[in-house]
Amino acid sequence: MTKSKAQGVLSKDEVDIRKLIERWAKAVRDGDRTGICTDHVPDILMFDVPPPLFSQGLDSYMATWERFLS
């Protein structure tokens, strides 16, 4: 477990989730398309705010990133 002053002691699951989010956020900042989809399952179903409002499947999900990253 890791200790954080603001949150006390974090469980291993919390540490793992934080690492996953940090890894994904870095991939987004870097425009790393492979990194963006690394931890997603092939049959992802994503609901989002900008159109299209949902995407089904990894290819469809990644197509939304092309628009965002351009």
C-alpha atoms as a PDB file:
ATOM      1  CA  MET A   1       0.000   0.000   0.000  1.00  0.00           C
ATOM      2  CA  THR A   2       1.032   3.573  -0.633  1.00  0.00           C
ATOM      3  CA  LYS A   3       0.492   6.438   1.773  1.00  0.00           C
ATOM      4  CA  SER A   4      -0.819   9.817   0.637  1.00  0.00           C
ATOM      5  CA  LYS A   5      -1.177  12.728   3.080  1.00  0.00           C
ATOM      6  CA  ALA A   6      -4.456  13.856   1.525  1.00  0.00           C
ATOM      7  CA  GLN A   7      -6.056  10.407   1.338  1.00  0.00           C
ATOM      8  CA  GLY A   8      -4.433   8.263   3.988  1.00  0.00           C
ATOM      9  CA  VAL A   9      -3.400   4.749   3.008  1.00  0.00           C
ATOM     10  CA  LEU A  10      -4.296   3.577  -0.510  1.00  0.00           C
ATOM     11  CA  SER A  11      -5.110  -0.042  -1.279  1.00  0.00           C
ATOM     12  CA  LYS A  12      -3.261  -1.887  -4.040  1.00  0.00           C
ATOM     13  CA  ASP A  13      -6.387  -1.601  -6.219  1.00  0.00           C
ATOM     14  CA  GLU A  14      -6.453   2.170  -5.740  1.00  0.00           C
ATOM     15  CA  VAL A  15      -2.763   2.421  -6.603  1.00  0.00           C
ATOM     16  CA  ASP A  16      -3.292   0.282  -9.722  1.00  0.00           C
ATOM     17  CA  ILE A  17      -6.283   2.376 -10.836  1.00  0.00           C
ATOM     18  CA  ARG A  18      -4.358   5.612 -10.331  1.00  0.00           C
ATOM     19  CA  LYS A  19      -1.465   4.229 -12.414  1.00  0.00           C
ATOM     20  CA  LEU A  20      -3.880   3.188 -15.174  1.00  0.00           C
ATOM     21  CA  ILE A  21      -5.467   6.661 -15.258  1.00  0.00           C
ATOM     22  CA  GLU A  22      -2.071   8.379 -15.216  1.00  0.00           C
ATOM     23  CA  ARG A  23      -0.829   6.119 -18.042  1.00  0.00           C
ATOM     24  CA  TRP A  24      -3.959   6.879 -20.131  1.00  0.00           C
ATOM     25  CA  ALA A  25      -3.775  10.642 -19.432  1.00  0.00           C
ATOM     26  CA  LYS A  26      -0.103  10.715 -20.497  1.00  0.00           C
ATOM     27  CA  ALA A  27      -0.997   8.890 -23.713  1.00  0.00           C
ATOM     28  CA  VAL A  28      -3.713  11.490 -24.401  1.00  0.00           C
ATOM     29  CA  ARG A  29      -1.315  14.375 -23.718  1.00  0.00           C
ATOM     30  CA  ASP A  30       1.305  12.772 -25.982  1.00  0.00           C
ATOM     31  CA  GLY A  31      -1.192  11.950 -28.763  1.00  0.00           C
ATOM     32  CA  ASP A  32      -0.132   8.300 -28.385  1.00  0.00           C
ATOM     33  CA  ARG A  33      -2.987   6.434 -30.060  1.00  0.00           C
ATOM     34  CA  THR A  34      -1.644   3.017 -29.078  1.00  0.00           C
ATOM     35  CA  GLY A  35      -1.357   4.094 -25.456  1.00  0.00           C
ATOM     36  CA  ILE A  36      -4.874   5.554 -25.461  1.00  0.00           C
ATOM     37  CA  CYS A  37      -6.433   2.202 -26.331  1.00  0.00           C
ATOM     38  CA  THR A  38      -3.994  -0.085 -24.493  1.00  0.00           C
ATOM     39  CA  ASP A  39      -6.213  -0.853 -21.501  1.00  0.00           C
ATOM     40  CA  HIS A  40      -9.525  -0.993 -23.386  1.00  0.00           C
ATOM     41  CA  VAL A  41     -11.303  -4.196 -24.393  1.00  0.00           C
ATOM     42  CA  PRO A  42     -12.081  -4.783 -28.101  1.00  0.00           C
ATOM     43  CA  ASP A  43     -15.849  -4.615 -27.540  1.00  0.00           C
ATOM     44  CA  ILE A  44     -15.774  -1.324 -25.608  1.00  0.00           C
ATOM     45  CA  LEU A  45     -19.026   0.635 -25.456  1.00  0.00           C
ATOM     46  CA  MET A  46     -18.257   4.292 -24.802  1.00  0.00           C
ATOM     47  CA  PHE A  47     -20.780   7.040 -24.082  1.00  0.00           C
ATOM     48  CA  ASP A  48     -19.443  10.555 -24.564  1.00  0.00           C
ATOM     49  CA  VAL A  49     -20.530  14.191 -24.616  1.00  0.00           C
ATOM     50  CA  PRO A  50     -19.525  15.310 -28.144  1.00  0.00           C
ATOM     51  CA  PRO A  51     -21.030  13.563 -31.186  1.00  0.00           C
ATOM     52  CA  PRO A  52     -21.040  10.756 -31.841  1.00  0.00           C
ATOM     53  CA  LEU A  53     -22.629  10.292 -28.448  1.00  0.00           C
ATOM     54  CA  PHE A  54     -21.535   6.673 -28.263  1.00  0.00           C
ATOM     55  CA  SER A  55     -19.095   4.371 -29.972  1.00  0.00           C
ATOM     56  CA  GLN A  56     -19.150   0.601 -30.029  1.00  0.00           C
ATOM     57  CA  GLY A  57     -15.950  -1.353 -30.514  1.00  0.00           C
ATOM     58  CA  LEU A  58     -12.320  -0.303 -30.284  1.00  0.00           C
ATOM     59  CA  ASP A  59     -12.089   0.908 -33.898  1.00  0.00           C
ATOM     60  CA  SER A  60     -15.122   3.158 -33.454  1.00  0.00           C
ATOM     61  CA  TYR A  61     -13.763   4.450 -30.142  1.00  0.00           C
ATOM     62  CA  MET A  62     -10.382   5.233 -31.680  1.00  0.00           C
ATOM     63  CA  ALA A  63     -12.049   7.040 -34.610  1.00  0.00           C
ATOM     64  CA  THR A  64     -13.407   9.562 -32.091  1.00  0.00           C
ATOM     65  CA  TRP A  65      -9.837  10.233 -30.991  1.00  0.00           C
ATOM     66  CA  GLU A  66      -8.747  11.084 -34.525  1.00  0.00           C
ATOM     67  CA  ARG A  67     -11.175  13.995 -34.483  1.00  0.00           C
ATOM     68  CA  PHE A  68     -10.038  15.083 -31.031  1.00  0.00           C
ATOM     69  CA  LEU A  69      -6.320  14.821 -31.757  1.00  0.00           C
ATOM     70  CA  SER A  70      -6.445  16.574 -35.155  1.00  0.00           C
END
